Amino acid sequence: MGKALEGVRVLDMTHVQSGPSCTQLLGWLGADVVKLEAPSGDITRQQLRDVPGVDSLYFTMLNCNKRSITLNMKSARGKELFTGLVKEADILVENFGPGAVDRMGFTWERLQELNPRLVYASIKGFGPGRYADFKAYEVIAQAMGGSMSTTGFEDGPPLATGAQIGDSGTGVHAVAGILAALYQRGQTGRGQRVQVAMQHAVLNLCRVKLRDQQRLAHGPLREYPNEMFGTEVPRSGNASGGGQPGWAVRCSPGGPNDYIYVIVQPVGWRPLSAIIGRPELAEDPEWATPEARLPKLDKMFQLIEEWSIQHDKWTVLDRLNAQNIPCGPILSTRELVEDESLRAEGAVVTVEHPERGSFVTVGSPLHLSDSPVEVTTPPLLGEHNQEIYAGLGVTPEELAQLKRDGVV
């Protein structure tokens, strides 16, 4: 059985996380992703190493299902080889600083001349406005995209989320743009430019907070537990701020992740009040309706916690789900790695690596009925030089000379 993107060649000039997360998704979907690295390699091969002398987990977990070639883009011969690679590519993805590829001599106009069908995707920190030349990292994107100002508790500082919404979140957005451009190319015969900014991607993920910013003009946000409201959406701890109130309540034995997140729907209040030993609250006018409970959400979740703290989170999960009450235990990273259901679903996989041995990584979250995903080992630096460059007419002897000259 073929893959969804079988026959699609991706020239991957990305590094660190935002770009590699994008191209890895394309690889999972079946594209032939050729990672182009400087002879020294992607910097993340050496960052956060846990095993000396081998590629780090930072690199391996973002670069499965790819091939690797090396190329010195500053050399004349390197530019010639790159030109050949561009002509054969369907997609080019880069996340260098603004203007870097232009300065190499390959503007969008030049790339179009070389390959009019090329889809050229660029991931940057910011759009073309006042922040265009600023450096961006994961948490900077969170800070400037609306996430940090709305994450944390009311009386505490802004907090970053552990989810990499600035880097990997932007990578997912880039995949959407690339696939749309690839589909349109099938109708027009032309490639096009795809540009995604990390700030914009985070902002897109924070749209509900912009919703609430506008709602503030009409009064306090009653679904929030905050007592005071100013002119900006406040941080509200673990409250969802949506139509169904939720909170993380403690469970036994009281460890750092012994919590479960519980959402109280209108239909769920009667069975929930019975489970926590307070069935009378289902009839009490002070508690029976969502409108009655709304001003005292903190007290409502305190009552739930007085029951949940007597049980472990798995018992609470089973008890509540038996009554169709939405809830989810807070799972630690260790619990996720060891979760049998995630293993069975392919969301967590073990990959064999020729130098570091086996390692655990995330599997593809995309499941296509006719395009199953097999997560394959990430490439060693320049592992595929010979087979890729042979396609450009480079002989083994010339390749050896190119290596001696520092071109590859």
Protein backbone atom coordinates (compact mmCIF):
# COMPACT_ATOMS: atom_id res chain seq x y z
CA MET A 1 0.00 0.00 0.00
CA GLY A 2 1.33 3.42 -0.96
CA LYS A 3 1.58 6.47 1.26
CA ALA A 4 -0.42 9.68 1.01
CA LEU A 5 2.62 11.74 -0.04
CA GLU A 6 4.52 9.01 -1.84
CA GLY A 7 6.58 10.48 -4.68
CA VAL A 8 6.75 13.93 -3.07
CA ARG A 9 10.34 15.13 -2.49
CA VAL A 10 10.91 17.56 0.40
CA LEU A 11 14.18 19.46 0.59
CA ASP A 12 14.44 20.08 4.33
CA MET A 13 16.71 23.00 5.25
CA THR A 14 15.27 23.29 8.76
CA HIS A 15 16.91 22.98 12.14
CA VAL A 16 16.08 22.93 15.86
CA GLN A 17 12.31 22.32 16.33
CA SER A 18 9.73 24.39 14.43
CA GLY A 19 10.95 23.30 11.01
CA PRO A 20 11.92 19.69 11.77
CA SER A 21 8.53 19.07 13.43
CA CYS A 22 6.90 20.17 10.17
CA THR A 23 9.06 18.05 7.88
CA GLN A 24 8.83 15.01 10.15
CA LEU A 25 5.04 15.13 9.80
CA LEU A 26 5.48 15.23 6.03
CA GLY A 27 7.79 12.23 6.31
CA TRP A 28 5.24 10.35 8.39
CA LEU A 29 2.73 10.99 5.61
CA GLY A 30 5.06 9.33 3.12
CA ALA A 31 7.07 12.16 1.60
CA ASP A 32 10.75 11.61 0.80
CA VAL A 33 12.28 14.13 3.18
CA VAL A 34 15.91 14.96 2.44
CA LYS A 35 17.42 16.87 5.35
CA LEU A 36 20.11 19.23 4.09
CA GLU A 37 22.65 20.02 6.80
CA ALA A 38 25.88 21.95 6.98
CA PRO A 39 28.89 19.60 7.20
CA SER A 40 28.89 20.26 10.95
CA GLY A 41 25.28 19.08 11.21
CA ASP A 42 22.07 20.37 12.75
CA ILE A 43 23.05 21.99 16.05
CA THR A 44 20.55 19.87 17.95
CA ARG A 45 22.55 16.72 17.19
CA GLN A 46 24.85 17.89 19.98
CA GLN A 47 22.44 19.75 22.28
CA LEU A 48 21.10 18.22 25.52
CA ARG A 49 23.05 15.02 24.95
CA ASP A 50 22.29 12.20 27.37
CA VAL A 51 24.71 9.73 25.76
CA PRO A 52 28.22 11.00 24.85
CA GLY A 53 29.26 10.95 21.22
CA VAL A 54 25.89 10.15 19.63
CA ASP A 55 23.00 12.20 18.31
CA SER A 56 20.88 13.67 21.10
CA LEU A 57 17.26 12.85 21.77
CA TYR A 58 16.53 16.47 20.86
CA PHE A 59 17.59 15.61 17.32
CA THR A 60 16.38 12.03 17.01
CA MET A 61 12.84 12.75 18.22
CA LEU A 62 12.34 15.47 15.58
CA ASN A 63 14.01 13.85 12.58
CA CYS A 64 12.60 10.38 12.09
CA ASN A 65 11.54 9.31 8.60
CA LYS A 66 14.17 11.45 6.86
CA ARG A 67 17.36 11.09 4.86
CA SER A 68 20.40 13.30 5.50
CA ILE A 69 22.87 14.99 3.20
CA THR A 70 25.52 17.58 3.97
CA LEU A 71 26.29 20.66 1.89
CA ASN A 72 28.30 23.83 2.35
CA MET A 73 26.04 26.48 0.84
CA LYS A 74 28.82 29.07 0.96
CA SER A 75 30.86 27.31 -1.71
CA ALA A 76 30.34 27.75 -5.45
CA ARG A 77 30.08 24.00 -6.02
CA GLY A 78 27.68 23.78 -3.09
CA LYS A 79 25.41 26.31 -4.77
CA GLU A 80 25.54 24.30 -7.99
CA LEU A 81 24.52 21.14 -6.19
CA PHE A 82 21.78 22.99 -4.34
CA THR A 83 20.43 24.22 -7.65
CA GLY A 84 20.16 20.62 -8.81
CA LEU A 85 18.39 19.63 -5.61
CA VAL A 86 15.87 22.46 -5.97
CA LYS A 87 15.03 21.40 -9.51
CA GLU A 88 14.10 17.93 -8.28
CA ALA A 89 12.15 19.01 -5.19
CA ASP A 90 8.42 19.45 -4.75
CA ILE A 91 8.71 21.27 -1.44
CA LEU A 92 11.45 23.34 0.16
CA VAL A 93 11.17 24.16 3.86
CA GLU A 94 13.47 26.48 5.82
CA ASN A 95 13.43 28.24 9.19
CA PHE A 96 16.59 30.34 9.05
CA GLY A 97 16.61 33.94 10.21
CA PRO A 98 14.87 36.46 7.94
CA GLY A 99 16.62 36.86 4.58
CA ALA A 100 19.19 34.10 5.13
CA VAL A 101 18.25 32.06 2.06
CA ASP A 102 18.07 35.25 -0.03
CA ARG A 103 21.63 36.08 1.02
CA MET A 104 22.73 32.65 -0.18
CA GLY A 105 21.61 33.78 -3.63
CA PHE A 106 18.28 31.97 -3.71
CA THR A 107 15.45 34.44 -3.54
CA TRP A 108 11.88 33.31 -4.11
CA GLU A 109 12.10 34.69 -7.63
CA ARG A 110 15.26 32.69 -8.31
CA LEU A 111 13.75 29.53 -6.87
CA GLN A 112 10.70 29.99 -9.12
CA GLU A 113 12.98 30.26 -12.14
CA LEU A 114 14.70 27.01 -11.20
CA ASN A 115 11.49 25.15 -10.43
CA PRO A 116 8.12 26.81 -11.15
CA ARG A 117 6.32 23.92 -9.39
CA LEU A 118 8.21 24.38 -6.12
CA VAL A 119 6.25 24.95 -2.90
CA TYR A 120 8.58 27.09 -0.78
CA ALA A 121 7.72 27.22 2.92
CA SER A 122 9.38 29.55 5.43
CA ILE A 123 8.89 29.51 9.19
CA LYS A 124 9.88 32.71 11.00
CA GLY A 125 9.39 34.11 14.46
CA PHE A 126 7.25 37.01 13.33
CA GLY A 127 5.44 38.47 10.36
CA PRO A 128 6.83 41.27 8.18
CA GLY A 129 5.91 44.07 10.60
CA ARG A 130 7.90 45.76 13.36
CA TYR A 131 9.10 42.47 14.90
CA ALA A 132 10.29 40.95 11.62
CA ASP A 133 14.01 40.94 12.42
CA PHE A 134 13.70 39.89 16.05
CA LYS A 135 14.96 36.50 17.19
CA ALA A 136 12.28 34.07 18.36
CA TYR A 137 12.35 31.00 20.55
CA GLU A 138 9.54 28.81 21.84
CA VAL A 139 8.72 30.80 24.95
CA ILE A 140 9.19 34.16 23.19
CA ALA A 141 6.45 33.08 20.78
CA GLN A 142 4.30 32.12 23.76
CA ALA A 143 5.02 35.47 25.39
CA MET A 144 4.13 37.50 22.30
CA GLY A 145 1.26 35.35 21.05
CA GLY A 146 -1.07 35.63 24.03
CA SER A 147 -0.32 32.38 25.81
CA MET A 148 1.80 33.54 28.76
CA SER A 149 -0.39 36.48 29.72
CA THR A 150 -3.33 34.09 30.14
CA THR A 151 -1.48 31.13 31.72
CA GLY A 152 -0.91 30.88 35.46
CA PHE A 153 -2.77 31.93 38.57
CA GLU A 154 -4.28 35.32 39.19
CA ASP A 155 -1.81 36.31 41.89
CA GLY A 156 1.26 34.86 40.15
CA PRO A 157 3.52 35.71 37.20
CA PRO A 158 2.85 34.78 33.57
CA LEU A 159 3.80 31.15 32.91
CA ALA A 160 4.97 29.20 29.88
CA THR A 161 3.13 26.03 28.94
CA GLY A 162 5.03 22.75 28.69
CA ALA A 163 3.44 22.08 25.30
CA GLN A 164 5.67 23.40 22.52
CA ILE A 165 2.95 25.50 20.89
CA GLY A 166 5.46 28.04 19.58
CA ASP A 167 7.74 25.58 17.81
CA SER A 168 5.89 22.34 17.08
CA GLY A 169 2.57 24.21 17.01
CA THR A 170 3.94 26.38 14.22
CA GLY A 171 5.27 23.30 12.45
CA VAL A 172 1.76 21.84 12.32
CA HIS A 173 0.41 25.10 10.89
CA ALA A 174 3.16 25.01 8.26
CA VAL A 175 2.15 21.48 7.23
CA ALA A 176 -1.41 22.70 6.64
CA GLY A 177 -0.17 25.51 4.39
CA ILE A 178 2.19 23.23 2.50
CA LEU A 179 -0.46 20.61 1.81
CA ALA A 180 -2.90 23.30 0.64
CA ALA A 181 -0.27 24.70 -1.73
CA LEU A 182 0.52 21.20 -2.99
CA TYR A 183 -3.17 20.56 -3.66
CA GLN A 184 -3.56 23.89 -5.48
CA ARG A 185 -0.50 23.08 -7.58
CA GLY A 186 -2.41 20.09 -8.89
CA GLN A 187 -4.93 22.51 -10.36
CA THR A 188 -2.67 25.37 -11.47
CA GLY A 189 0.63 23.63 -12.17
CA ARG A 190 2.41 26.33 -10.15
CA GLY A 191 4.11 26.23 -6.80
CA GLN A 192 3.77 29.06 -4.32
CA ARG A 193 5.28 30.64 -1.22
CA VAL A 194 4.02 29.54 2.20
CA GLN A 195 4.94 31.70 5.18
CA VAL A 196 4.11 30.96 8.82
CA ALA A 197 5.14 33.05 11.83
CA MET A 198 5.47 31.54 15.30
CA GLN A 199 3.73 34.52 16.90
CA HIS A 200 0.79 34.13 14.52
CA ALA A 201 0.50 30.39 15.17
CA VAL A 202 0.42 30.87 18.95
CA LEU A 203 -2.14 33.64 18.55
CA ASN A 204 -4.28 31.31 16.48
CA LEU A 205 -4.18 28.79 19.33
CA CYS A 206 -5.17 31.52 21.80
CA ARG A 207 -8.26 32.69 19.94
CA VAL A 208 -10.62 31.91 22.83
CA LYS A 209 -8.75 34.44 24.94
CA LEU A 210 -9.30 37.07 22.25
CA ARG A 211 -12.95 36.06 22.37
CA ASP A 212 -12.97 36.78 26.09
CA GLN A 213 -11.11 40.07 25.61
CA GLN A 214 -14.08 41.28 23.59
CA ARG A 215 -16.59 39.85 26.06
CA LEU A 216 -14.98 41.95 28.80
CA ALA A 217 -16.51 45.05 27.21
CA HIS A 218 -19.88 43.77 28.40
CA GLY A 219 -18.92 42.98 31.99
CA PRO A 220 -17.03 40.42 34.12
CA LEU A 221 -16.38 36.95 32.75
CA ARG A 222 -18.71 34.96 34.98
CA GLU A 223 -17.22 31.62 33.90
CA TYR A 224 -13.87 32.64 35.39
CA PRO A 225 -13.21 32.14 39.12
CA ASN A 226 -11.54 35.56 39.43
CA GLU A 227 -13.10 38.10 41.78
CA MET A 228 -11.77 41.20 40.04
CA PHE A 229 -11.60 42.06 36.35
CA GLY A 230 -9.71 44.87 34.68
CA THR A 231 -9.38 45.69 31.02
CA GLU A 232 -7.50 42.50 30.03
CA VAL A 233 -8.30 38.81 30.20
CA PRO A 234 -6.81 37.63 33.51
CA ARG A 235 -4.90 34.48 34.35
CA SER A 236 -7.37 32.06 35.87
CA GLY A 237 -5.38 29.04 37.02
CA ASN A 238 -6.86 25.77 35.83
CA ALA A 239 -10.27 27.17 34.96
CA SER A 240 -11.29 26.51 31.38
CA GLY A 241 -13.15 29.81 31.11
CA GLY A 242 -15.55 28.08 28.76
CA GLY A 243 -19.20 27.16 29.02
CA GLN A 244 -18.50 24.07 31.15
CA PRO A 245 -16.56 24.82 34.36
CA GLY A 246 -13.55 22.65 35.13
CA TRP A 247 -10.74 22.39 37.66
CA ALA A 248 -7.92 20.08 38.74
CA VAL A 249 -8.73 18.50 42.11
CA ARG A 250 -6.32 16.62 44.32
CA CYS A 251 -6.30 12.86 44.72
CA SER A 252 -4.58 10.40 47.04
CA PRO A 253 -1.74 9.97 47.95
CA GLY A 254 -1.09 13.65 47.27
CA GLY A 255 1.96 13.54 44.98
CA PRO A 256 2.85 16.30 42.50
CA ASN A 257 0.70 14.76 39.75
CA ASP A 258 -2.01 13.17 41.88
CA TYR A 259 -4.73 15.34 40.43
CA ILE A 260 -7.65 14.83 38.10
CA TYR A 261 -9.30 17.46 35.94
CA VAL A 262 -13.08 17.41 36.32
CA ILE A 263 -15.62 19.20 34.15
CA VAL A 264 -19.10 19.77 35.55
CA GLN A 265 -21.74 19.70 32.85
CA PRO A 266 -25.34 20.56 33.74
CA VAL A 267 -26.41 16.97 33.16
CA GLY A 268 -23.54 15.67 35.27
CA TRP A 269 -24.32 17.51 38.50
CA ARG A 270 -26.86 15.01 39.83
CA PRO A 271 -24.67 11.89 39.46
CA LEU A 272 -21.61 13.82 40.61
CA SER A 273 -23.28 15.08 43.77
CA ALA A 274 -24.28 11.49 44.56
CA ILE A 275 -20.75 10.19 43.98
CA ILE A 276 -19.20 12.73 46.36
CA GLY A 277 -21.76 11.85 49.04
CA ARG A 278 -23.85 15.01 48.75
CA PRO A 279 -26.95 13.88 46.81
CA GLU A 280 -29.06 16.61 48.41
CA LEU A 281 -27.18 19.24 46.38
CA ALA A 282 -28.94 18.02 43.22
CA GLU A 283 -32.20 19.38 44.63
CA ASP A 284 -30.89 22.34 46.64
CA PRO A 285 -31.85 25.58 44.82
CA GLU A 286 -28.50 27.02 45.88
CA TRP A 287 -26.70 24.31 43.90
CA ALA A 288 -29.10 22.62 41.51
CA THR A 289 -28.60 24.77 38.40
CA PRO A 290 -25.50 25.97 36.52
CA GLU A 291 -26.56 29.56 37.21
CA ALA A 292 -26.72 28.88 40.93
CA ARG A 293 -23.30 27.18 40.97
CA LEU A 294 -21.53 29.76 38.82
CA PRO A 295 -20.82 32.34 41.59
CA LYS A 296 -19.30 29.66 43.82
CA LEU A 297 -17.22 27.50 41.52
CA ASP A 298 -14.37 27.48 44.03
CA LYS A 299 -16.65 26.02 46.70
CA MET A 300 -18.07 23.48 44.23
CA PHE A 301 -14.64 22.13 43.36
CA GLN A 302 -13.67 22.15 47.03
CA LEU A 303 -16.58 19.82 47.72
CA ILE A 304 -15.47 17.54 44.90
CA GLU A 305 -11.90 17.58 46.19
CA GLU A 306 -12.98 16.62 49.70
CA TRP A 307 -14.14 13.37 48.11
CA SER A 308 -11.40 12.90 45.49
CA ILE A 309 -8.56 13.30 48.01
CA GLN A 310 -9.71 10.05 49.57
CA HIS A 311 -9.07 8.08 46.38
CA ASP A 312 -6.29 7.69 43.83
CA LYS A 313 -6.76 9.35 40.45
CA TRP A 314 -7.42 6.07 38.61
CA THR A 315 -10.25 5.18 40.98
CA VAL A 316 -11.71 8.66 40.54
CA LEU A 317 -11.38 8.30 36.76
CA ASP A 318 -13.31 5.04 36.75
CA ARG A 319 -16.00 6.25 39.15
CA LEU A 320 -16.70 9.45 37.23
CA ASN A 321 -16.52 7.92 33.77
CA ALA A 322 -19.00 5.25 34.85
CA GLN A 323 -21.49 8.15 35.14
CA ASN A 324 -20.32 9.83 31.92
CA ILE A 325 -18.72 12.73 33.82
CA PRO A 326 -15.85 14.26 31.77
CA CYS A 327 -12.53 14.00 33.59
CA GLY A 328 -8.89 13.21 32.99
CA PRO A 329 -6.05 12.37 35.38
CA ILE A 330 -2.93 14.51 35.18
CA LEU A 331 -0.43 12.13 33.59
CA SER A 332 3.28 12.60 34.24
CA THR A 333 5.84 12.16 31.48
CA ARG A 334 6.79 8.81 33.01
CA GLU A 335 3.18 7.67 33.03
CA LEU A 336 2.81 8.67 29.39
CA VAL A 337 5.92 6.75 28.34
CA GLU A 338 4.66 3.67 30.20
CA ASP A 339 1.00 3.94 29.14
CA GLU A 340 0.02 0.67 27.46
CA SER A 341 -2.88 2.18 25.53
CA LEU A 342 -0.66 4.88 24.02
CA ARG A 343 1.80 2.17 23.00
CA ALA A 344 -0.94 0.09 21.43
CA GLU A 345 -2.25 3.13 19.54
CA GLY A 346 1.20 4.03 18.20
CA ALA A 347 1.21 7.39 19.97
CA VAL A 348 4.35 6.33 21.86
CA VAL A 349 6.86 4.16 20.01
CA THR A 350 10.31 2.67 20.45
CA VAL A 351 12.77 3.28 17.61
CA GLU A 352 16.06 1.49 17.05
CA HIS A 353 19.07 3.70 16.36
CA PRO A 354 22.37 2.39 14.94
CA GLU A 355 24.54 4.31 17.42
CA ARG A 356 22.54 5.08 20.55
CA GLY A 357 20.40 1.93 20.63
CA SER A 358 16.66 2.15 21.17
CA PHE A 359 14.87 5.31 22.26
CA VAL A 360 11.27 6.25 22.94
CA THR A 361 9.54 8.95 20.93
CA VAL A 362 6.09 10.13 19.96
CA GLY A 363 4.40 8.46 17.03
CA SER A 364 2.29 10.13 14.41
CA PRO A 365 -0.94 11.66 15.73
CA LEU A 366 -2.32 11.40 12.19
CA HIS A 367 -3.99 8.10 11.32
CA LEU A 368 -5.01 7.62 7.69
CA SER A 369 -6.81 4.42 6.72
CA ASP A 370 -4.89 4.06 3.44
CA SER A 371 -1.57 5.54 4.56
CA PRO A 372 -0.31 3.81 7.71
CA VAL A 373 2.71 5.33 9.43
CA GLU A 374 5.83 3.44 10.38
CA VAL A 375 8.23 5.58 12.39
CA THR A 376 11.74 4.95 11.07
CA THR A 377 15.10 5.78 12.58
CA PRO A 378 16.54 9.28 12.07
CA PRO A 379 19.50 9.56 9.74
CA LEU A 380 23.14 9.84 10.70
CA LEU A 381 24.85 13.00 9.51
CA GLY A 382 25.37 12.78 5.74
CA GLU A 383 24.25 9.16 5.70
CA HIS A 384 22.64 9.50 2.29
CA ASN A 385 25.18 11.70 0.53
CA GLN A 386 26.18 9.06 -1.98
CA GLU A 387 22.71 7.99 -3.07
CA ILE A 388 21.29 11.54 -3.27
CA TYR A 389 24.25 13.13 -5.03
CA ALA A 390 24.55 10.21 -7.42
CA GLY A 391 21.17 11.30 -8.71
CA LEU A 392 22.82 14.61 -9.65
CA GLY A 393 25.61 12.84 -11.52
CA VAL A 394 28.22 13.02 -8.77
CA THR A 395 30.56 10.02 -8.88
CA PRO A 396 31.94 8.40 -5.71
CA GLU A 397 35.37 9.81 -6.58
CA GLU A 398 34.04 13.34 -6.95
CA LEU A 399 32.05 12.99 -3.76
CA ALA A 400 35.23 12.03 -1.88
CA GLN A 401 36.95 15.11 -3.29
CA LEU A 402 33.99 17.30 -2.35
CA LYS A 403 34.29 16.00 1.19
CA ARG A 404 38.02 16.77 1.28
CA ASP A 405 37.25 20.29 -0.03
CA GLY A 406 34.64 20.89 2.64
CA VAL A 407 31.77 21.13 0.15
CA VAL A 408 29.88 18.21 1.73
